[in-house]
Amino acid sequence: MSIFEWLGFSSNDNNAPSVQESSAVNDIVVRLKHLDPGRARWVAAFAMVMARAARADFEISGEEFQAMERILREYGGLDAEQSTLAAEMAAHRNQLLGASEDYLATREFRKIAAEGDSQKVLHCLFAVSAADDSISLVEEEEIRQVANELGVEHAEFNAIRARFRDKREILKKTARKTDG
């Protein structure tokens, strides 16, 4: 019996404290108080996972940031001001807190994601990384790691990645070598 069960929290109780919640996700949730708390947590975790992929090469380009804002409006249901706020907070916390927070946010997203959300988020990660017209190898590998953490099958990952074939840096280099 865990301490949480002893205290009366069931293992599937959404109000049970999590030993390793993402502090960055919590910070964003507080700022998205106009949303239902469950929806705010989903959006915050989603924003953090996007920032993780965008910053895999140690910078988030202007195009990548704008893609994050647009995707947060489309998939998160945020208005322009709130999508900018969520994107800025996710980018800043990613830079400040780094890899351990990335892992916690991804794990939190997996825990709260509905069926099909993991595949949708991978598509969004590739879209954000491709926003500057190139998906670097390090960005691609970060997205692969996220896919593994989300439990996405390798074949599904490959199918999603194939939609961005023309943006993959590694394939662009191969094409230049065969052309030259």
C-alpha atoms as a PDB file:
ATOM      1  CA  MET A   1       0.000   0.000   0.000  1.00  0.00           C
ATOM      2  CA  SER A   2       1.370   3.376  -0.984  1.00  0.00           C
ATOM      3  CA  ILE A   3       1.268   6.410   1.270  1.00  0.00           C
ATOM      4  CA  PHE A   4      -1.293   7.994  -1.086  1.00  0.00           C
ATOM      5  CA  GLU A   5      -3.599   4.976  -0.830  1.00  0.00           C
ATOM      6  CA  TRP A   6      -3.179   5.043   2.961  1.00  0.00           C
ATOM      7  CA  LEU A   7      -4.207   8.709   2.913  1.00  0.00           C
ATOM      8  CA  GLY A   8      -7.343   7.836   0.952  1.00  0.00           C
ATOM      9  CA  PHE A   9      -6.255   8.653  -2.595  1.00  0.00           C
ATOM     10  CA  SER A  10      -6.822   5.928  -5.157  1.00  0.00           C
ATOM     11  CA  SER A  11      -4.173   5.340  -7.803  1.00  0.00           C
ATOM     12  CA  ASN A  12      -6.494   6.701 -10.501  1.00  0.00           C
ATOM     13  CA  ASP A  13      -7.602   9.743  -8.488  1.00  0.00           C
ATOM     14  CA  ASN A  14      -6.778  12.864 -10.516  1.00  0.00           C
ATOM     15  CA  ASN A  15      -6.555  14.875  -7.292  1.00  0.00           C
ATOM     16  CA  ALA A  16      -3.871  12.647  -5.820  1.00  0.00           C
ATOM     17  CA  PRO A  17      -0.552  14.446  -5.540  1.00  0.00           C
ATOM     18  CA  SER A  18       2.044  13.297  -7.999  1.00  0.00           C
ATOM     19  CA  VAL A  19       5.503  12.632  -6.693  1.00  0.00           C
ATOM     20  CA  GLN A  20       7.088  14.013  -9.845  1.00  0.00           C
ATOM     21  CA  GLU A  21       4.772  16.493 -11.503  1.00  0.00           C
ATOM     22  CA  SER A  22       6.284  18.930 -13.922  1.00  0.00           C
ATOM     23  CA  SER A  23       6.755  22.279 -12.201  1.00  0.00           C
ATOM     24  CA  ALA A  24       6.817  23.965 -15.616  1.00  0.00           C
ATOM     25  CA  VAL A  25       3.453  22.433 -16.510  1.00  0.00           C
ATOM     26  CA  ASN A  26       2.077  23.584 -13.152  1.00  0.00           C
ATOM     27  CA  ASP A  27       3.338  27.143 -13.778  1.00  0.00           C
ATOM     28  CA  ILE A  28       1.593  27.286 -17.148  1.00  0.00           C
ATOM     29  CA  VAL A  29      -1.626  25.790 -15.751  1.00  0.00           C
ATOM     30  CA  VAL A  30      -1.791  28.601 -13.181  1.00  0.00           C
ATOM     31  CA  ARG A  31      -1.655  31.172 -15.985  1.00  0.00           C
ATOM     32  CA  LEU A  32      -4.356  29.361 -18.007  1.00  0.00           C
ATOM     33  CA  LYS A  33      -6.916  29.717 -15.224  1.00  0.00           C
ATOM     34  CA  HIS A  34      -9.685  30.601 -17.690  1.00  0.00           C
ATOM     35  CA  LEU A  35      -9.635  26.989 -18.940  1.00  0.00           C
ATOM     36  CA  ASP A  36     -11.035  23.915 -17.264  1.00  0.00           C
ATOM     37  CA  PRO A  37      -8.176  22.626 -15.038  1.00  0.00           C
ATOM     38  CA  GLY A  38      -7.875  19.323 -16.917  1.00  0.00           C
ATOM     39  CA  ARG A  39      -7.783  21.098 -20.269  1.00  0.00           C
ATOM     40  CA  ALA A  40      -5.256  23.630 -18.956  1.00  0.00           C
ATOM     41  CA  ARG A  41      -2.974  20.788 -17.821  1.00  0.00           C
ATOM     42  CA  TRP A  42      -3.249  19.118 -21.259  1.00  0.00           C
ATOM     43  CA  VAL A  43      -2.423  22.395 -23.039  1.00  0.00           C
ATOM     44  CA  ALA A  44       0.481  23.143 -20.683  1.00  0.00           C
ATOM     45  CA  ALA A  45       2.020  19.683 -21.082  1.00  0.00           C
ATOM     46  CA  PHE A  46       1.492  19.904 -24.852  1.00  0.00           C
ATOM     47  CA  ALA A  47       3.231  23.299 -24.968  1.00  0.00           C
ATOM     48  CA  MET A  48       6.185  21.936 -22.992  1.00  0.00           C
ATOM     49  CA  VAL A  49       6.554  18.944 -25.311  1.00  0.00           C
ATOM     50  CA  MET A  50       6.507  21.268 -28.331  1.00  0.00           C
ATOM     51  CA  ALA A  51       9.158  23.491 -26.749  1.00  0.00           C
ATOM     52  CA  ARG A  52      11.258  20.390 -26.127  1.00  0.00           C
ATOM     53  CA  ALA A  53      11.297  19.503 -29.819  1.00  0.00           C
ATOM     54  CA  ALA A  54      11.744  23.102 -30.992  1.00  0.00           C
ATOM     55  CA  ARG A  55      14.698  23.656 -28.680  1.00  0.00           C
ATOM     56  CA  ALA A  56      16.431  20.337 -29.382  1.00  0.00           C
ATOM     57  CA  ASP A  57      19.050  22.264 -31.368  1.00  0.00           C
ATOM     58  CA  PHE A  58      19.447  24.726 -28.443  1.00  0.00           C
ATOM     59  CA  GLU A  59      17.353  27.498 -29.963  1.00  0.00           C
ATOM     60  CA  ILE A  60      13.762  28.137 -30.873  1.00  0.00           C
ATOM     61  CA  SER A  61      13.665  30.085 -34.120  1.00  0.00           C
ATOM     62  CA  GLY A  62      11.077  32.773 -34.738  1.00  0.00           C
ATOM     63  CA  GLU A  63       9.331  30.496 -37.215  1.00  0.00           C
ATOM     64  CA  GLU A  64       9.246  27.632 -34.710  1.00  0.00           C
ATOM     65  CA  PHE A  65       7.852  29.924 -32.022  1.00  0.00           C
ATOM     66  CA  GLN A  66       5.122  31.178 -34.376  1.00  0.00           C
ATOM     67  CA  ALA A  67       4.265  27.573 -35.251  1.00  0.00           C
ATOM     68  CA  MET A  68       3.952  26.770 -31.541  1.00  0.00           C
ATOM     69  CA  GLU A  69       1.578  29.730 -31.085  1.00  0.00           C
ATOM     70  CA  ARG A  70      -0.526  28.718 -34.100  1.00  0.00           C
ATOM     71  CA  ILE A  71      -0.729  25.084 -32.989  1.00  0.00           C
ATOM     72  CA  LEU A  72      -1.691  26.102 -29.451  1.00  0.00           C
ATOM     73  CA  ARG A  73      -4.534  28.158 -30.928  1.00  0.00           C
ATOM     74  CA  GLU A  74      -5.682  25.325 -33.199  1.00  0.00           C
ATOM     75  CA  TYR A  75      -5.291  22.319 -30.891  1.00  0.00           C
ATOM     76  CA  GLY A  76      -5.361  24.022 -27.515  1.00  0.00           C
ATOM     77  CA  GLY A  77      -8.310  26.263 -28.209  1.00  0.00           C
ATOM     78  CA  LEU A  78      -6.434  29.318 -26.944  1.00  0.00           C
ATOM     79  CA  ASP A  79      -6.863  32.862 -28.166  1.00  0.00           C
ATOM     80  CA  ALA A  80      -3.862  34.740 -29.595  1.00  0.00           C
ATOM     81  CA  GLU A  81      -2.819  36.283 -26.273  1.00  0.00           C
ATOM     82  CA  GLN A  82      -3.069  33.027 -24.334  1.00  0.00           C
ATOM     83  CA  SER A  83      -1.259  31.017 -27.034  1.00  0.00           C
ATOM     84  CA  THR A  84       1.608  33.524 -26.979  1.00  0.00           C
ATOM     85  CA  LEU A  85       1.751  33.355 -23.186  1.00  0.00           C
ATOM     86  CA  ALA A  86       1.765  29.533 -23.134  1.00  0.00           C
ATOM     87  CA  ALA A  87       4.410  29.344 -25.882  1.00  0.00           C
ATOM     88  CA  GLU A  88       6.622  31.932 -24.150  1.00  0.00           C
ATOM     89  CA  MET A  89       6.346  30.186 -20.791  1.00  0.00           C
ATOM     90  CA  ALA A  90       7.073  26.764 -22.307  1.00  0.00           C
ATOM     91  CA  ALA A  91      10.087  28.073 -24.237  1.00  0.00           C
ATOM     92  CA  HIS A  92      11.449  29.900 -21.198  1.00  0.00           C
ATOM     93  CA  ARG A  93      10.973  26.968 -18.828  1.00  0.00           C
ATOM     94  CA  ASN A  94      12.499  24.583 -21.334  1.00  0.00           C
ATOM     95  CA  GLN A  95      15.598  26.771 -21.522  1.00  0.00           C
ATOM     96  CA  LEU A  96      15.725  27.292 -17.771  1.00  0.00           C
ATOM     97  CA  LEU A  97      14.919  23.795 -16.508  1.00  0.00           C
ATOM     98  CA  GLY A  98      16.160  21.534 -19.299  1.00  0.00           C
ATOM     99  CA  ALA A  99      16.042  17.810 -19.879  1.00  0.00           C
ATOM    100  CA  SER A 100      14.649  16.530 -16.596  1.00  0.00           C
ATOM    101  CA  GLU A 101      11.674  18.881 -16.889  1.00  0.00           C
ATOM    102  CA  ASP A 102      11.233  17.823 -20.537  1.00  0.00           C
ATOM    103  CA  TYR A 103      10.924  14.218 -19.437  1.00  0.00           C
ATOM    104  CA  LEU A 104       8.455  15.044 -16.646  1.00  0.00           C
ATOM    105  CA  ALA A 105       6.259  17.125 -18.967  1.00  0.00           C
ATOM    106  CA  THR A 106       6.258  14.378 -21.608  1.00  0.00           C
ATOM    107  CA  ARG A 107       5.391  11.765 -19.006  1.00  0.00           C
ATOM    108  CA  GLU A 108       2.587  13.986 -17.732  1.00  0.00           C
ATOM    109  CA  PHE A 109       1.261  14.450 -21.274  1.00  0.00           C
ATOM    110  CA  ARG A 110       1.231  10.682 -21.784  1.00  0.00           C
ATOM    111  CA  LYS A 111      -0.700  10.230 -18.547  1.00  0.00           C
ATOM    112  CA  ILE A 112      -3.460  12.681 -19.518  1.00  0.00           C
ATOM    113  CA  ALA A 113      -3.562  12.186 -23.302  1.00  0.00           C
ATOM    114  CA  ALA A 114      -6.642  10.726 -24.923  1.00  0.00           C
ATOM    115  CA  GLU A 115      -6.387   8.029 -27.545  1.00  0.00           C
ATOM    116  CA  GLY A 116      -4.790   9.451 -30.680  1.00  0.00           C
ATOM    117  CA  ASP A 117      -3.295  12.490 -28.898  1.00  0.00           C
ATOM    118  CA  SER A 118       0.226  11.057 -28.966  1.00  0.00           C
ATOM    119  CA  GLN A 119       0.151  10.681 -32.739  1.00  0.00           C
ATOM    120  CA  LYS A 120      -1.275  14.204 -33.117  1.00  0.00           C
ATOM    121  CA  VAL A 121       1.436  15.663 -30.897  1.00  0.00           C
ATOM    122  CA  LEU A 122       4.153  13.967 -32.967  1.00  0.00           C
ATOM    123  CA  HIS A 123       2.706  15.522 -36.096  1.00  0.00           C
ATOM    124  CA  CYS A 124       2.771  18.896 -34.329  1.00  0.00           C
ATOM    125  CA  LEU A 125       6.385  18.341 -33.204  1.00  0.00           C
ATOM    126  CA  PHE A 126       7.460  17.718 -36.776  1.00  0.00           C
ATOM    127  CA  ALA A 127       5.456  20.754 -37.936  1.00  0.00           C
ATOM    128  CA  VAL A 128       7.132  22.988 -35.339  1.00  0.00           C
ATOM    129  CA  SER A 129      10.599  21.656 -36.182  1.00  0.00           C
ATOM    130  CA  ALA A 130       9.918  22.094 -39.909  1.00  0.00           C
ATOM    131  CA  ALA A 131       8.664  25.671 -39.507  1.00  0.00           C
ATOM    132  CA  ASP A 132      12.116  27.050 -40.334  1.00  0.00           C
ATOM    133  CA  ASP A 133      12.139  24.851 -43.469  1.00  0.00           C
ATOM    134  CA  SER A 134      14.487  22.239 -42.018  1.00  0.00           C
ATOM    135  CA  ILE A 135      14.229  19.434 -39.492  1.00  0.00           C
ATOM    136  CA  SER A 136      17.733  18.914 -38.139  1.00  0.00           C
ATOM    137  CA  LEU A 137      18.943  15.459 -37.178  1.00  0.00           C
ATOM    138  CA  VAL A 138      19.031  16.472 -33.506  1.00  0.00           C
ATOM    139  CA  GLU A 139      15.397  17.663 -33.701  1.00  0.00           C
ATOM    140  CA  GLU A 140      14.390  14.443 -35.412  1.00  0.00           C
ATOM    141  CA  GLU A 141      16.108  12.359 -32.737  1.00  0.00           C
ATOM    142  CA  GLU A 142      14.416  14.372 -29.978  1.00  0.00           C
ATOM    143  CA  ILE A 143      11.044  13.721 -31.600  1.00  0.00           C
ATOM    144  CA  ARG A 144      11.930  10.019 -31.813  1.00  0.00           C
ATOM    145  CA  GLN A 145      12.701  10.073 -28.068  1.00  0.00           C
ATOM    146  CA  VAL A 146       9.359  11.770 -27.360  1.00  0.00           C
ATOM    147  CA  ALA A 147       7.620   9.103 -29.462  1.00  0.00           C
ATOM    148  CA  ASN A 148       9.285   6.390 -27.391  1.00  0.00           C
ATOM    149  CA  GLU A 149       8.276   8.102 -24.135  1.00  0.00           C
ATOM    150  CA  LEU A 150       4.691   8.443 -25.376  1.00  0.00           C
ATOM    151  CA  GLY A 151       4.569   4.780 -26.370  1.00  0.00           C
ATOM    152  CA  VAL A 152       4.094   5.435 -30.079  1.00  0.00           C
ATOM    153  CA  GLU A 153       4.951   2.425 -32.232  1.00  0.00           C
ATOM    154  CA  HIS A 154       7.952   2.765 -34.536  1.00  0.00           C
ATOM    155  CA  ALA A 155       5.816   2.226 -37.646  1.00  0.00           C
ATOM    156  CA  GLU A 156       3.486   5.063 -36.599  1.00  0.00           C
ATOM    157  CA  PHE A 157       6.481   7.320 -35.965  1.00  0.00           C
ATOM    158  CA  ASN A 158       7.849   6.535 -39.441  1.00  0.00           C
ATOM    159  CA  ALA A 159       4.483   7.228 -41.079  1.00  0.00           C
ATOM    160  CA  ILE A 160       4.223  10.633 -39.420  1.00  0.00           C
ATOM    161  CA  ARG A 161       7.871  11.479 -40.158  1.00  0.00           C
ATOM    162  CA  ALA A 162       7.359  10.527 -43.834  1.00  0.00           C
ATOM    163  CA  ARG A 163       4.901  13.428 -44.202  1.00  0.00           C
ATOM    164  CA  PHE A 164       7.818  15.792 -43.563  1.00  0.00           C
ATOM    165  CA  ARG A 165      10.319  14.081 -45.851  1.00  0.00           C
ATOM    166  CA  ASP A 166      11.064  17.236 -47.834  1.00  0.00           C
ATOM    167  CA  LYS A 167      12.031  19.118 -44.637  1.00  0.00           C
ATOM    168  CA  ARG A 168      14.404  16.500 -43.207  1.00  0.00           C
ATOM    169  CA  GLU A 169      17.954  17.889 -43.225  1.00  0.00           C
ATOM    170  CA  ILE A 170      19.531  14.457 -43.529  1.00  0.00           C
ATOM    171  CA  LEU A 171      17.609  13.744 -46.736  1.00  0.00           C
ATOM    172  CA  LYS A 172      18.353  17.186 -48.134  1.00  0.00           C
ATOM    173  CA  LYS A 173      22.081  16.531 -47.696  1.00  0.00           C
ATOM    174  CA  THR A 174      21.788  13.152 -49.383  1.00  0.00           C
ATOM    175  CA  ALA A 175      19.914  14.716 -52.304  1.00  0.00           C
ATOM    176  CA  ARG A 176      22.596  17.412 -52.702  1.00  0.00           C
ATOM    177  CA  LYS A 177      25.343  14.798 -52.798  1.00  0.00           C
ATOM    178  CA  THR A 178      23.581  12.813 -55.528  1.00  0.00           C
ATOM    179  CA  ASP A 179      22.808  15.985 -57.508  1.00  0.00           C
ATOM    180  CA  GLY A 180      26.363  17.299 -57.325  1.00  0.00           C
END
